[in-house]
N, C-alpha and C. Protein backbone atom coordinates (compact mmCIF):
# COMPACT_ATOMS: atom_id res chain seq x y z
N PHE A 1 0.83 -1.18 0.00
CA PHE A 1 0.00 0.00 0.00
C PHE A 1 0.87 1.24 0.00
N THR A 2 0.26 2.34 -0.38
CA THR A 2 0.95 3.63 -0.43
C THR A 2 0.18 4.64 0.40
N VAL A 3 0.91 5.37 1.24
CA VAL A 3 0.32 6.42 2.06
C VAL A 3 0.90 7.75 1.58
N SER A 4 0.02 8.69 1.26
CA SER A 4 0.45 10.01 0.79
C SER A 4 -0.09 11.09 1.70
N LEU A 5 0.75 12.08 1.97
CA LEU A 5 0.36 13.22 2.79
C LEU A 5 0.28 14.44 1.88
N PHE A 6 -0.89 15.08 1.87
CA PHE A 6 -1.10 16.28 1.06
C PHE A 6 -1.24 17.48 1.98
N TYR A 7 -0.59 18.57 1.61
CA TYR A 7 -0.71 19.84 2.34
C TYR A 7 -1.23 20.86 1.33
N ASN A 8 -2.49 21.28 1.51
CA ASN A 8 -3.15 22.19 0.56
C ASN A 8 -3.03 21.68 -0.87
N ASP A 9 -3.39 20.44 -1.07
CA ASP A 9 -3.41 19.77 -2.38
C ASP A 9 -2.03 19.59 -3.01
N LYS A 10 -0.97 19.74 -2.24
CA LYS A 10 0.38 19.48 -2.73
C LYS A 10 0.92 18.27 -1.98
N VAL A 11 1.50 17.33 -2.70
CA VAL A 11 2.05 16.13 -2.07
C VAL A 11 3.31 16.52 -1.29
N LYS A 12 3.31 16.25 0.01
CA LYS A 12 4.47 16.55 0.84
C LYS A 12 5.31 15.30 1.10
N LYS A 13 4.65 14.16 1.22
CA LYS A 13 5.38 12.94 1.52
C LYS A 13 4.59 11.74 1.04
N THR A 14 5.29 10.75 0.50
CA THR A 14 4.67 9.50 0.07
C THR A 14 5.52 8.35 0.57
N ILE A 15 4.86 7.39 1.23
CA ILE A 15 5.56 6.22 1.76
C ILE A 15 4.86 4.97 1.23
N THR A 16 5.64 4.05 0.70
CA THR A 16 5.11 2.77 0.25
C THR A 16 5.63 1.69 1.19
N SER A 17 4.71 0.85 1.67
CA SER A 17 5.07 -0.18 2.63
C SER A 17 4.31 -1.46 2.34
N PRO A 18 4.93 -2.62 2.56
CA PRO A 18 4.19 -3.87 2.38
C PRO A 18 3.24 -4.10 3.55
N ASN A 19 2.16 -4.77 3.30
CA ASN A 19 1.18 -5.07 4.34
C ASN A 19 1.42 -6.49 4.82
N ASP A 20 2.46 -6.68 5.62
CA ASP A 20 2.83 -8.01 6.10
C ASP A 20 2.15 -8.38 7.41
N ALA A 21 1.76 -7.41 8.18
CA ALA A 21 1.17 -7.68 9.49
C ALA A 21 -0.24 -7.09 9.55
N ARG A 22 -0.94 -7.41 10.64
CA ARG A 22 -2.28 -6.86 10.81
C ARG A 22 -2.23 -5.36 11.07
N LEU A 23 -1.22 -4.94 11.81
CA LEU A 23 -1.10 -3.53 12.20
C LEU A 23 0.21 -2.98 11.63
N VAL A 24 0.10 -1.92 10.89
CA VAL A 24 1.28 -1.30 10.28
C VAL A 24 1.35 0.15 10.73
N ARG A 25 2.50 0.55 11.25
CA ARG A 25 2.70 1.95 11.64
C ARG A 25 3.47 2.65 10.54
N VAL A 26 2.93 3.77 10.13
CA VAL A 26 3.57 4.56 9.07
C VAL A 26 3.85 5.95 9.63
N PRO A 27 5.11 6.27 9.89
CA PRO A 27 5.41 7.61 10.43
C PRO A 27 5.30 8.68 9.34
N LEU A 28 4.52 9.70 9.62
CA LEU A 28 4.37 10.83 8.70
C LEU A 28 4.68 12.11 9.44
N ASP A 29 5.45 12.96 8.82
CA ASP A 29 5.69 14.29 9.38
C ASP A 29 5.87 15.26 8.22
N PHE A 30 5.64 16.53 8.51
CA PHE A 30 5.85 17.56 7.50
C PHE A 30 6.11 18.87 8.22
N THR A 31 6.66 19.81 7.50
CA THR A 31 6.97 21.12 8.05
C THR A 31 6.19 22.18 7.28
N ILE A 32 5.58 23.08 8.02
CA ILE A 32 4.87 24.19 7.39
C ILE A 32 5.91 25.20 6.92
N PRO A 33 5.83 25.65 5.68
CA PRO A 33 6.83 26.60 5.18
C PRO A 33 6.84 27.91 5.98
N THR A 34 8.02 28.49 6.13
CA THR A 34 8.12 29.75 6.88
C THR A 34 7.49 30.91 6.12
N THR A 35 7.30 30.74 4.81
CA THR A 35 6.69 31.80 4.01
C THR A 35 5.19 31.64 3.88
N GLU A 36 4.61 30.76 4.67
CA GLU A 36 3.16 30.51 4.59
C GLU A 36 2.40 31.76 5.00
N THR A 37 1.44 32.17 4.18
CA THR A 37 0.64 33.35 4.47
C THR A 37 -0.76 33.01 4.92
N ASN A 38 -1.20 31.78 4.72
CA ASN A 38 -2.54 31.38 5.14
C ASN A 38 -2.57 31.11 6.64
N THR A 39 -3.73 31.27 7.24
CA THR A 39 -3.89 30.97 8.66
C THR A 39 -4.53 29.61 8.88
N THR A 40 -5.04 28.99 7.83
CA THR A 40 -5.57 27.63 7.90
C THR A 40 -4.98 26.82 6.76
N ALA A 41 -4.93 25.52 6.97
CA ALA A 41 -4.42 24.63 5.92
C ALA A 41 -5.24 23.35 5.94
N GLU A 42 -5.22 22.67 4.82
CA GLU A 42 -5.96 21.42 4.68
C GLU A 42 -4.94 20.28 4.59
N ILE A 43 -5.09 19.31 5.48
CA ILE A 43 -4.22 18.15 5.50
C ILE A 43 -5.04 16.94 5.06
N LYS A 44 -4.51 16.21 4.09
CA LYS A 44 -5.22 15.03 3.59
C LYS A 44 -4.26 13.85 3.59
N ILE A 45 -4.71 12.74 4.17
CA ILE A 45 -3.96 11.49 4.16
C ILE A 45 -4.69 10.55 3.22
N LYS A 46 -3.99 10.05 2.23
CA LYS A 46 -4.61 9.16 1.24
C LYS A 46 -3.86 7.83 1.25
N VAL A 47 -4.63 6.74 1.43
CA VAL A 47 -4.07 5.39 1.43
C VAL A 47 -4.58 4.68 0.19
N THR A 48 -3.64 4.17 -0.59
CA THR A 48 -4.00 3.50 -1.84
C THR A 48 -3.43 2.08 -1.84
N THR A 49 -4.28 1.12 -2.13
CA THR A 49 -3.86 -0.28 -2.29
C THR A 49 -4.20 -0.69 -3.72
N PRO A 50 -3.75 -1.85 -4.13
CA PRO A 50 -4.11 -2.28 -5.49
C PRO A 50 -5.61 -2.45 -5.71
N THR A 51 -6.37 -2.67 -4.63
CA THR A 51 -7.80 -2.93 -4.80
C THR A 51 -8.70 -1.78 -4.37
N GLU A 52 -8.22 -0.90 -3.50
CA GLU A 52 -9.08 0.19 -3.03
C GLU A 52 -8.25 1.41 -2.63
N SER A 53 -8.99 2.49 -2.34
CA SER A 53 -8.35 3.75 -1.96
C SER A 53 -9.21 4.43 -0.90
N SER A 54 -8.56 5.08 0.05
CA SER A 54 -9.29 5.78 1.11
C SER A 54 -8.52 7.04 1.47
N GLU A 55 -9.24 8.05 1.93
CA GLU A 55 -8.57 9.28 2.34
C GLU A 55 -9.27 9.90 3.52
N LYS A 56 -8.50 10.63 4.31
CA LYS A 56 -9.00 11.34 5.49
C LYS A 56 -8.55 12.78 5.36
N LEU A 57 -9.48 13.70 5.57
CA LEU A 57 -9.21 15.13 5.40
C LEU A 57 -9.45 15.85 6.71
N THR A 58 -8.57 16.78 7.05
CA THR A 58 -8.74 17.60 8.24
C THR A 58 -8.16 18.99 7.98
N ASN A 59 -8.67 19.97 8.68
CA ASN A 59 -8.17 21.34 8.59
C ASN A 59 -7.39 21.67 9.85
N ILE A 60 -6.33 22.44 9.71
CA ILE A 60 -5.55 22.88 10.87
C ILE A 60 -5.45 24.40 10.86
N ASN A 61 -5.29 24.96 12.05
CA ASN A 61 -5.06 26.40 12.19
C ASN A 61 -3.56 26.63 12.33
N ILE A 62 -3.07 27.66 11.66
CA ILE A 62 -1.65 27.99 11.71
C ILE A 62 -1.50 29.30 12.48
N TYR A 63 -0.78 29.22 13.59
CA TYR A 63 -0.52 30.42 14.39
C TYR A 63 0.90 30.87 14.08
N GLN A 64 1.01 32.05 13.50
CA GLN A 64 2.30 32.54 13.03
C GLN A 64 2.80 33.67 13.90
N ASP A 65 4.11 33.82 13.90
CA ASP A 65 4.74 34.99 14.49
C ASP A 65 4.37 36.20 13.62
N VAL A 66 3.99 37.29 14.24
CA VAL A 66 3.52 38.46 13.50
C VAL A 66 4.59 38.98 12.55
N ILE A 67 5.82 39.04 13.00
CA ILE A 67 6.90 39.56 12.15
C ILE A 67 7.15 38.63 10.97
N ALA A 68 7.13 37.32 11.22
CA ALA A 68 7.33 36.36 10.12
C ALA A 68 6.20 36.45 9.12
N SER A 69 4.98 36.60 9.64
CA SER A 69 3.82 36.71 8.75
C SER A 69 3.91 37.97 7.90
N ASP A 70 4.24 39.10 8.54
CA ASP A 70 4.37 40.36 7.80
C ASP A 70 5.51 40.29 6.79
N SER A 71 6.59 39.64 7.17
CA SER A 71 7.71 39.50 6.25
C SER A 71 7.34 38.67 5.03
N ALA A 72 6.56 37.60 5.26
CA ALA A 72 6.16 36.73 4.15
C ALA A 72 5.22 37.44 3.18
N THR A 73 4.38 38.31 3.70
CA THR A 73 3.42 38.99 2.83
C THR A 73 3.94 40.31 2.30
N GLY A 74 5.13 40.74 2.72
CA GLY A 74 5.70 41.98 2.23
C GLY A 74 5.19 43.21 2.96
N LYS A 75 4.53 43.02 4.10
CA LYS A 75 4.00 44.17 4.83
C LYS A 75 5.09 44.99 5.49
N ILE A 76 6.20 44.35 5.85
CA ILE A 76 7.28 45.08 6.51
C ILE A 76 7.86 46.12 5.55
N ALA A 77 8.06 45.74 4.30
CA ALA A 77 8.57 46.70 3.31
C ALA A 77 7.59 47.84 3.12
N THR A 78 6.29 47.53 3.11
CA THR A 78 5.27 48.56 2.96
C THR A 78 5.28 49.49 4.17
N LYS A 79 5.42 48.93 5.37
CA LYS A 79 5.47 49.75 6.58
C LYS A 79 6.69 50.67 6.57
N LYS A 80 7.83 50.15 6.12
CA LYS A 80 9.04 50.98 6.05
C LYS A 80 8.87 52.10 5.04
N ALA A 81 8.24 51.80 3.91
CA ALA A 81 8.01 52.83 2.89
C ALA A 81 7.08 53.91 3.42
N LYS A 82 6.05 53.51 4.17
CA LYS A 82 5.13 54.49 4.75
C LYS A 82 5.84 55.37 5.77
N LYS A 83 6.70 54.76 6.59
CA LYS A 83 7.44 55.54 7.58
C LYS A 83 8.38 56.54 6.89
N LYS A 84 9.01 56.11 5.82
CA LYS A 84 9.92 57.00 5.09
C LYS A 84 9.14 58.15 4.47
N THR A 85 7.98 57.87 3.88
CA THR A 85 7.15 58.92 3.30
C THR A 85 6.69 59.91 4.36
N ALA A 86 6.30 59.40 5.53
CA ALA A 86 5.87 60.28 6.62
C ALA A 86 7.03 61.15 7.10
N LEU A 87 8.22 60.58 7.18
CA LEU A 87 9.39 61.35 7.61
C LEU A 87 9.71 62.46 6.61
N VAL A 88 9.65 62.18 5.33
CA VAL A 88 9.90 63.20 4.30
C VAL A 88 8.85 64.30 4.39
N ALA A 89 7.59 63.94 4.62
CA ALA A 89 6.53 64.94 4.74
C ALA A 89 6.77 65.85 5.94
N VAL A 90 7.16 65.27 7.07
CA VAL A 90 7.43 66.07 8.27
C VAL A 90 8.61 67.00 8.03
N LEU A 91 9.66 66.52 7.40
CA LEU A 91 10.83 67.36 7.11
C LEU A 91 10.48 68.50 6.15
N CYS A 92 9.62 68.23 5.17
CA CYS A 92 9.18 69.30 4.25
C CYS A 92 8.40 70.37 5.00
N VAL A 93 7.51 69.96 5.88
CA VAL A 93 6.73 70.92 6.67
C VAL A 93 7.66 71.76 7.54
N LEU A 94 8.64 71.12 8.18
CA LEU A 94 9.60 71.86 9.02
C LEU A 94 10.43 72.84 8.18
N ALA A 95 10.81 72.46 6.97
CA ALA A 95 11.56 73.35 6.10
C ALA A 95 10.73 74.56 5.71
N VAL A 96 9.46 74.35 5.39
CA VAL A 96 8.56 75.47 5.04
C VAL A 96 8.39 76.40 6.23
N ILE A 97 8.21 75.84 7.42
CA ILE A 97 8.06 76.66 8.63
C ILE A 97 9.35 77.47 8.87
N ALA A 98 10.51 76.86 8.68
CA ALA A 98 11.78 77.57 8.88
C ALA A 98 11.92 78.73 7.90
N VAL A 99 11.52 78.54 6.65
CA VAL A 99 11.58 79.61 5.66
C VAL A 99 10.63 80.74 6.04
N VAL A 100 9.42 80.40 6.46
CA VAL A 100 8.44 81.43 6.85
C VAL A 100 8.95 82.22 8.05
N VAL A 101 9.51 81.53 9.04
CA VAL A 101 10.05 82.22 10.23
C VAL A 101 11.21 83.13 9.81
N ALA A 102 12.07 82.66 8.93
CA ALA A 102 13.20 83.48 8.47
C ALA A 102 12.71 84.73 7.75
N VAL A 103 11.69 84.59 6.90
CA VAL A 103 11.14 85.75 6.18
C VAL A 103 10.54 86.74 7.18
N VAL A 104 9.79 86.25 8.16
CA VAL A 104 9.18 87.14 9.16
C VAL A 104 10.27 87.86 9.96
N VAL A 105 11.32 87.15 10.34
CA VAL A 105 12.41 87.77 11.10
C VAL A 105 13.10 88.84 10.26
N ILE A 106 13.33 88.58 8.98
CA ILE A 106 13.97 89.57 8.10
C ILE A 106 13.08 90.79 7.93
N ILE A 107 11.77 90.58 7.75
CA ILE A 107 10.84 91.72 7.60
C ILE A 107 10.83 92.56 8.87
N LEU A 108 10.75 91.92 10.04
CA LEU A 108 10.76 92.67 11.30
C LEU A 108 12.10 93.37 11.52
N TRP A 109 13.18 92.80 11.11
CA TRP A 109 14.49 93.40 11.29
C TRP A 109 14.66 94.62 10.39
N LEU A 110 14.12 94.55 9.15
CA LEU A 110 14.22 95.68 8.23
C LEU A 110 13.32 96.84 8.67
N ARG A 111 12.25 96.61 9.36
CA ARG A 111 11.34 97.68 9.81
C ARG A 111 11.94 98.50 10.95
N LYS A 112 12.89 97.98 11.67
CA LYS A 112 13.48 98.72 12.78
C LYS A 112 14.27 99.82 12.25
């Protein structure tokens, strides 16, 4: 028989073993990718023999680190770009205020 492990419809592992005993243990393991952006996943175990086929389906919840999740989706780059844009805007406003203050000081100085 053949046992296959599917993660979101992608084959992650396939093991073929002879059915010599009444009870057969088949170790299955898999690793969730670090770039995973979904919060849920579908796990399917499919057992195929020459005469029949059976499968078991289950859903799992994926709890991710916030920074890893943001990094995988590109949100960190977006956040950095927004911070840079905000910093440039603040510096432009400060430059305009400095020019206005300088003009006012020059006008008041010339009136004396």
